[in-house]
Amino acid sequence: MDKKTTSIVAYITPIGLLIAFLAGDRKGAKFHLNQALVIFLFSLLCAIPYAGWIWGIFMFICWILGLVYAVEQKNKEVPLIGKIHLL
């Protein structure tokens, strides 16, 4: 997969993130792979009662922004959690 396809697939599902990491252009799409991983991990906090609903809405907005940035091939960080680098 090329850089753009890898970036987009990384945001689709957790399985897509795994496929993008294993079969995609890891060097070219490293920024978006990292952003998708951070969004996925932080979205697990939605299980917290009451505050999780608000956090879930915020994570959905971050996911949409990340996907749009991947389609446009922009390396912009998502708000609040975008500065975290795991990869």
Protein backbone atom coordinates (compact mmCIF):
# COMPACT_ATOMS: atom_id res chain seq x y z
CA MET A 1 0.00 0.00 0.00
CA ASP A 2 1.15 3.52 -0.65
CA LYS A 3 1.42 6.27 1.97
CA LYS A 4 -2.07 7.72 1.48
CA THR A 5 -3.85 4.35 1.53
CA THR A 6 -1.92 3.25 4.61
CA SER A 7 -2.82 6.48 6.40
CA ILE A 8 -6.53 6.13 5.64
CA VAL A 9 -6.76 2.41 6.48
CA ALA A 10 -5.10 3.05 9.85
CA TYR A 11 -8.10 5.14 10.97
CA ILE A 12 -10.86 2.82 9.78
CA THR A 13 -10.85 0.11 12.51
CA PRO A 14 -8.39 -1.37 15.01
CA ILE A 15 -7.94 -4.24 12.55
CA GLY A 16 -7.25 -1.68 9.83
CA LEU A 17 -4.60 -0.15 12.08
CA LEU A 18 -2.96 -3.55 12.43
CA ILE A 19 -3.13 -4.21 8.68
CA ALA A 20 -1.71 -0.76 7.92
CA PHE A 21 1.12 -1.32 10.38
CA LEU A 22 2.02 -4.76 9.04
CA ALA A 23 1.40 -4.38 5.29
CA GLY A 24 1.57 -0.67 4.60
CA ASP A 25 4.16 2.00 4.04
CA ARG A 26 5.24 2.42 7.68
CA LYS A 27 7.88 5.06 7.01
CA GLY A 28 5.67 7.32 4.93
CA ALA A 29 2.59 6.97 7.09
CA LYS A 30 4.26 6.82 10.51
CA PHE A 31 2.63 10.06 11.64
CA HIS A 32 -0.90 8.85 10.88
CA LEU A 33 -0.23 5.37 12.27
CA ASN A 34 0.80 7.01 15.54
CA GLN A 35 -2.23 9.32 15.58
CA ALA A 36 -4.64 6.44 14.89
CA LEU A 37 -3.04 4.34 17.65
CA VAL A 38 -3.28 7.17 20.19
CA ILE A 39 -6.92 7.83 19.26
CA PHE A 40 -7.75 4.13 19.59
CA LEU A 41 -6.05 3.78 22.98
CA PHE A 42 -7.59 6.93 24.43
CA SER A 43 -11.03 5.97 23.12
CA LEU A 44 -10.93 3.01 25.50
CA LEU A 45 -11.53 5.54 28.29
CA CYS A 46 -15.11 5.90 27.04
CA ALA A 47 -16.03 3.05 29.40
CA ILE A 48 -15.89 5.45 32.36
CA PRO A 49 -19.45 6.23 33.49
CA TYR A 50 -20.85 9.72 32.73
CA ALA A 51 -17.57 11.40 31.75
CA GLY A 52 -17.04 8.66 29.18
CA TRP A 53 -19.92 9.99 27.07
CA ILE A 54 -18.31 13.39 26.75
CA TRP A 55 -14.91 11.82 26.17
CA GLY A 56 -16.47 9.54 23.53
CA ILE A 57 -17.86 12.52 21.62
CA PHE A 58 -14.45 14.21 21.77
CA MET A 59 -12.72 11.03 20.56
CA PHE A 60 -15.18 10.73 17.68
CA ILE A 61 -14.35 14.30 16.63
CA CYS A 62 -10.62 13.50 16.87
CA TRP A 63 -11.16 10.39 14.74
CA ILE A 64 -12.99 12.39 12.06
CA LEU A 65 -10.27 15.06 12.07
CA GLY A 66 -7.53 12.44 11.79
CA LEU A 67 -9.29 10.74 8.90
CA VAL A 68 -9.76 14.04 7.07
CA TYR A 69 -6.10 14.94 7.61
CA ALA A 70 -5.08 11.51 6.28
CA VAL A 71 -7.20 11.97 3.14
CA GLU A 72 -5.71 15.43 2.58
CA GLN A 73 -2.19 14.11 3.43
CA LYS A 74 -1.65 16.77 6.09
CA ASN A 75 0.50 15.99 9.12
CA LYS A 76 -1.63 17.98 11.57
CA GLU A 77 -2.05 16.73 15.12
CA VAL A 78 -5.48 16.11 16.57
CA PRO A 79 -6.42 18.35 19.52
CA LEU A 80 -5.28 17.60 23.07
CA ILE A 81 -3.83 14.10 22.49
CA GLY A 82 -1.98 14.67 19.21
CA LYS A 83 1.37 15.45 20.81
CA ILE A 84 1.67 11.93 22.28
CA HIS A 85 4.09 9.78 20.26
CA LEU A 86 4.00 6.03 20.75
CA LEU A 87 5.62 4.94 17.48
